[in-house]
């Protein structure tokens, strides 16, 4: 099983409740599925980025010369990915009437 098929299975299998792409008027079914599941995978990647940032913050060197901003870059990037894909999902659901 390919990695993308595993991610589709994770998104569809209950890891994220109601992670079903809604049909977008005027688009083919394949494009709608790929785009919809792609947005859910971006949310999963954003959550992983936030988690990795929290981990790096927990184990980082707290001295004056440590790289203190790197964990916050990971967490900020993860939160940005979650907000962006979440808003796109909401917009697409509004367009499709779902």
Protein backbone atom coordinates (compact mmCIF):
# COMPACT_ATOMS: atom_id res chain seq x y z
CA UNK A 1 0.00 0.00 0.00
CA UNK A 2 1.40 3.38 -0.96
CA UNK A 3 1.88 6.21 1.51
CA UNK A 4 -0.91 8.31 -0.01
CA UNK A 5 -3.31 5.36 0.22
CA UNK A 6 -2.40 4.96 3.89
CA UNK A 7 -3.06 8.66 4.51
CA UNK A 8 -6.42 8.42 2.71
CA UNK A 9 -7.26 5.44 4.91
CA UNK A 10 -6.28 7.37 8.05
CA UNK A 11 -8.37 10.40 7.07
CA UNK A 12 -11.32 8.28 5.99
CA UNK A 13 -11.07 5.64 8.70
CA UNK A 14 -12.12 7.72 11.65
CA UNK A 15 -8.92 9.48 12.69
CA UNK A 16 -10.67 12.71 11.77
CA UNK A 17 -14.44 12.51 12.24
CA UNK A 18 -16.50 13.39 9.15
CA UNK A 19 -13.41 13.73 6.94
CA UNK A 20 -15.33 13.24 3.72
CA UNK A 21 -14.81 15.66 0.87
CA UNK A 22 -17.98 17.28 -0.39
CA UNK A 23 -18.65 17.52 -4.11
CA UNK A 24 -17.71 20.81 -5.67
CA UNK A 25 -20.07 21.87 -8.46
CA UNK A 26 -18.41 21.75 -11.87
CA UNK A 27 -15.45 19.60 -10.85
CA UNK A 28 -14.89 15.95 -11.64
CA UNK A 29 -15.28 13.43 -8.85
CA UNK A 30 -11.59 12.43 -8.87
CA UNK A 31 -10.42 16.03 -8.56
CA UNK A 32 -12.88 16.64 -5.74
CA UNK A 33 -11.66 13.58 -3.82
CA UNK A 34 -7.98 14.42 -4.25
CA UNK A 35 -8.48 18.07 -3.31
CA UNK A 36 -10.70 17.24 -0.34
CA UNK A 37 -8.49 14.53 1.11
CA UNK A 38 -5.43 16.68 0.39
CA UNK A 39 -6.80 19.41 2.65
CA UNK A 40 -7.42 16.90 5.42
CA UNK A 41 -3.85 15.63 5.03
CA UNK A 42 -2.59 19.21 5.38
CA UNK A 43 -4.46 19.41 8.69
CA UNK A 44 -2.77 16.19 9.83
CA UNK A 45 0.62 17.55 8.77
CA UNK A 46 -0.07 20.80 10.64
CA UNK A 47 -0.96 18.88 13.78
CA UNK A 48 2.26 16.88 13.43
CA UNK A 49 4.22 20.15 13.06
CA UNK A 50 2.68 21.56 16.22
CA UNK A 51 3.43 18.33 18.08
CA UNK A 52 7.03 18.31 16.88
CA UNK A 53 7.41 21.95 17.95
CA UNK A 54 6.13 21.11 21.43
CA UNK A 55 8.57 18.19 21.58
CA UNK A 56 11.50 20.39 20.50
CA UNK A 57 10.51 22.99 23.08
CA UNK A 58 10.48 20.33 25.81
CA UNK A 59 13.94 18.98 24.97
CA UNK A 60 15.66 22.20 23.80
CA UNK A 61 18.70 23.72 25.41
CA UNK A 62 17.42 26.42 27.75
CA UNK A 63 20.76 28.24 28.09
CA UNK A 64 21.39 31.67 26.62
CA UNK A 65 23.08 30.38 23.48
CA UNK A 66 20.44 27.75 22.65
CA UNK A 67 18.25 27.99 19.57
CA UNK A 68 15.12 29.08 21.37
CA UNK A 69 13.03 30.20 18.39
CA UNK A 70 13.07 26.99 16.35
CA UNK A 71 10.26 25.20 18.27
CA UNK A 72 8.05 28.24 17.84
CA UNK A 73 8.68 28.20 14.09
CA UNK A 74 7.46 24.58 13.96
CA UNK A 75 4.39 25.35 16.07
CA UNK A 76 3.59 28.52 14.11
CA UNK A 77 3.89 26.72 10.79
CA UNK A 78 1.66 23.91 12.00
CA UNK A 79 -0.98 26.30 13.29
CA UNK A 80 -0.86 28.24 10.01
CA UNK A 81 -1.35 25.02 8.02
CA UNK A 82 -4.31 24.03 10.19
CA UNK A 83 -5.95 27.45 9.88
CA UNK A 84 -5.39 27.69 6.13
CA UNK A 85 -6.74 24.26 5.27
CA UNK A 86 -9.57 24.58 7.79
CA UNK A 87 -10.71 27.83 6.23
CA UNK A 88 -10.46 26.35 2.72
CA UNK A 89 -12.57 23.38 3.82
CA UNK A 90 -15.17 25.76 5.26
CA UNK A 91 -15.20 27.85 2.07
CA UNK A 92 -15.56 24.79 -0.17
CA UNK A 93 -18.36 23.42 2.00
CA UNK A 94 -20.10 26.77 1.74
CA UNK A 95 -19.74 26.79 -2.04
CA UNK A 96 -21.02 23.25 -2.42
CA UNK A 97 -23.84 23.75 0.06
CA UNK A 98 -22.64 20.92 2.29
